[in-house]
């Protein structure tokens, strides 16, 4: 089961990815698009966009993930404490 944080992470990652690719394509002229591109010119923009998307999504969602994991832990500890008190 995918949690909401993971789903939000993937959505943010791909929104940022496509935004970075779009911005990079704006800087490319028509003459550069018609010339045969090297492997570096082909894959480097996607690599930068992927790295940027992952990094910014992690930075944006870190506080939310921390709060949710602490709440999960608190609920778990409360449940264990309640079950332990029933046996006494």
C-alpha atoms as a PDB file:
ATOM      1  CA  UNK A   1       0.000   0.000   0.000  1.00  0.00           C
ATOM      2  CA  UNK A   2       1.388   3.366  -0.998  1.00  0.00           C
ATOM      3  CA  UNK A   3       1.126   6.050   1.637  1.00  0.00           C
ATOM      4  CA  UNK A   4      -0.017   9.554   0.861  1.00  0.00           C
ATOM      5  CA  UNK A   5       3.505  10.899   1.369  1.00  0.00           C
ATOM      6  CA  UNK A   6       4.911   8.561  -1.259  1.00  0.00           C
ATOM      7  CA  UNK A   7       2.145   9.457  -3.696  1.00  0.00           C
ATOM      8  CA  UNK A   8       2.703  13.169  -3.090  1.00  0.00           C
ATOM      9  CA  UNK A   9       6.450  12.630  -3.515  1.00  0.00           C
ATOM     10  CA  UNK A  10       6.019  11.038  -6.956  1.00  0.00           C
ATOM     11  CA  UNK A  11       3.585  13.732  -8.082  1.00  0.00           C
ATOM     12  CA  UNK A  12       5.903  16.553  -6.969  1.00  0.00           C
ATOM     13  CA  UNK A  13       8.937  14.826  -8.436  1.00  0.00           C
ATOM     14  CA  UNK A  14       7.416  14.581 -11.892  1.00  0.00           C
ATOM     15  CA  UNK A  15       5.941  18.079 -11.830  1.00  0.00           C
ATOM     16  CA  UNK A  16       9.391  19.474 -11.019  1.00  0.00           C
ATOM     17  CA  UNK A  17      10.993  17.145 -13.605  1.00  0.00           C
ATOM     18  CA  UNK A  18       8.751  18.362 -16.414  1.00  0.00           C
ATOM     19  CA  UNK A  19       9.162  21.985 -15.334  1.00  0.00           C
ATOM     20  CA  UNK A  20      12.973  21.722 -15.456  1.00  0.00           C
ATOM     21  CA  UNK A  21      12.837  19.990 -18.861  1.00  0.00           C
ATOM     22  CA  UNK A  22      10.494  22.744 -20.107  1.00  0.00           C
ATOM     23  CA  UNK A  23      12.805  25.508 -18.874  1.00  0.00           C
ATOM     24  CA  UNK A  24      15.804  23.815 -20.485  1.00  0.00           C
ATOM     25  CA  UNK A  25      13.935  23.485 -23.778  1.00  0.00           C
ATOM     26  CA  UNK A  26      13.187  27.207 -23.745  1.00  0.00           C
ATOM     27  CA  UNK A  27      16.909  27.948 -23.790  1.00  0.00           C
ATOM     28  CA  UNK A  28      17.455  25.724 -26.829  1.00  0.00           C
ATOM     29  CA  UNK A  29      17.291  27.476 -30.171  1.00  0.00           C
ATOM     30  CA  UNK A  30      15.915  26.012 -33.400  1.00  0.00           C
ATOM     31  CA  UNK A  31      19.428  25.700 -34.830  1.00  0.00           C
ATOM     32  CA  UNK A  32      20.537  23.618 -31.842  1.00  0.00           C
ATOM     33  CA  UNK A  33      17.500  21.370 -32.173  1.00  0.00           C
ATOM     34  CA  UNK A  34      18.253  20.523 -35.818  1.00  0.00           C
ATOM     35  CA  UNK A  35      21.921  19.635 -35.204  1.00  0.00           C
ATOM     36  CA  UNK A  36      22.685  16.058 -34.234  1.00  0.00           C
ATOM     37  CA  UNK A  37      23.163  15.919 -30.494  1.00  0.00           C
ATOM     38  CA  UNK A  38      25.826  14.026 -28.577  1.00  0.00           C
ATOM     39  CA  UNK A  39      25.019  11.554 -25.838  1.00  0.00           C
ATOM     40  CA  UNK A  40      25.977  14.185 -23.250  1.00  0.00           C
ATOM     41  CA  UNK A  41      23.574  16.732 -24.743  1.00  0.00           C
ATOM     42  CA  UNK A  42      20.819  14.138 -24.956  1.00  0.00           C
ATOM     43  CA  UNK A  43      20.910  12.636 -21.465  1.00  0.00           C
ATOM     44  CA  UNK A  44      22.411  15.360 -19.265  1.00  0.00           C
ATOM     45  CA  UNK A  45      19.262  17.566 -19.181  1.00  0.00           C
ATOM     46  CA  UNK A  46      17.145  14.586 -18.115  1.00  0.00           C
ATOM     47  CA  UNK A  47      19.692  13.654 -15.465  1.00  0.00           C
ATOM     48  CA  UNK A  48      19.683  17.184 -14.056  1.00  0.00           C
ATOM     49  CA  UNK A  49      15.875  17.317 -14.144  1.00  0.00           C
ATOM     50  CA  UNK A  50      15.566  13.966 -12.351  1.00  0.00           C
ATOM     51  CA  UNK A  51      18.089  14.932  -9.687  1.00  0.00           C
ATOM     52  CA  UNK A  52      16.426  18.315  -9.156  1.00  0.00           C
ATOM     53  CA  UNK A  53      12.969  16.754  -8.944  1.00  0.00           C
ATOM     54  CA  UNK A  54      14.041  14.180  -6.377  1.00  0.00           C
ATOM     55  CA  UNK A  55      15.958  16.685  -4.274  1.00  0.00           C
ATOM     56  CA  UNK A  56      13.242  19.340  -4.180  1.00  0.00           C
ATOM     57  CA  UNK A  57      10.479  16.802  -3.516  1.00  0.00           C
ATOM     58  CA  UNK A  58      12.498  15.372  -0.607  1.00  0.00           C
ATOM     59  CA  UNK A  59      13.142  18.836   0.818  1.00  0.00           C
ATOM     60  CA  UNK A  60       9.503  19.893   0.492  1.00  0.00           C
ATOM     61  CA  UNK A  61       8.047  16.724   2.030  1.00  0.00           C
ATOM     62  CA  UNK A  62      10.570  16.102   4.812  1.00  0.00           C
ATOM     63  CA  UNK A  63       8.615  18.054   7.484  1.00  0.00           C
ATOM     64  CA  UNK A  64       5.352  16.340   6.538  1.00  0.00           C
ATOM     65  CA  UNK A  65       6.925  12.881   6.611  1.00  0.00           C
ATOM     66  CA  UNK A  66       8.546  13.572   9.982  1.00  0.00           C
ATOM     67  CA  UNK A  67       5.248  14.647  11.520  1.00  0.00           C
ATOM     68  CA  UNK A  68       3.366  11.662  10.104  1.00  0.00           C
ATOM     69  CA  UNK A  69       5.982   9.138  11.244  1.00  0.00           C
ATOM     70  CA  UNK A  70       5.961  10.619  14.753  1.00  0.00           C
ATOM     71  CA  UNK A  71       2.171  10.391  14.842  1.00  0.00           C
ATOM     72  CA  UNK A  72       2.328   6.762  13.689  1.00  0.00           C
ATOM     73  CA  UNK A  73       4.837   6.017  16.439  1.00  0.00           C
ATOM     74  CA  UNK A  74       2.726   7.775  19.062  1.00  0.00           C
ATOM     75  CA  UNK A  75      -0.376   5.810  18.045  1.00  0.00           C
ATOM     76  CA  UNK A  76       1.612   2.564  18.140  1.00  0.00           C
ATOM     77  CA  UNK A  77       2.986   3.284  21.609  1.00  0.00           C
ATOM     78  CA  UNK A  78      -0.458   4.282  22.888  1.00  0.00           C
ATOM     79  CA  UNK A  79      -1.954   1.075  21.503  1.00  0.00           C
ATOM     80  CA  UNK A  80       0.764  -1.067  23.063  1.00  0.00           C
ATOM     81  CA  UNK A  81       0.317   0.712  26.401  1.00  0.00           C
ATOM     82  CA  UNK A  82      -3.444   0.160  26.266  1.00  0.00           C
ATOM     83  CA  UNK A  83      -3.065  -3.538  25.450  1.00  0.00           C
ATOM     84  CA  UNK A  84      -0.521  -3.951  28.262  1.00  0.00           C
ATOM     85  CA  UNK A  85      -2.891  -2.312  30.755  1.00  0.00           C
ATOM     86  CA  UNK A  86      -5.683  -4.737  29.842  1.00  0.00           C
ATOM     87  CA  UNK A  87      -3.650  -7.764  30.864  1.00  0.00           C
ATOM     88  CA  UNK A  88      -2.973  -6.526  34.382  1.00  0.00           C
END
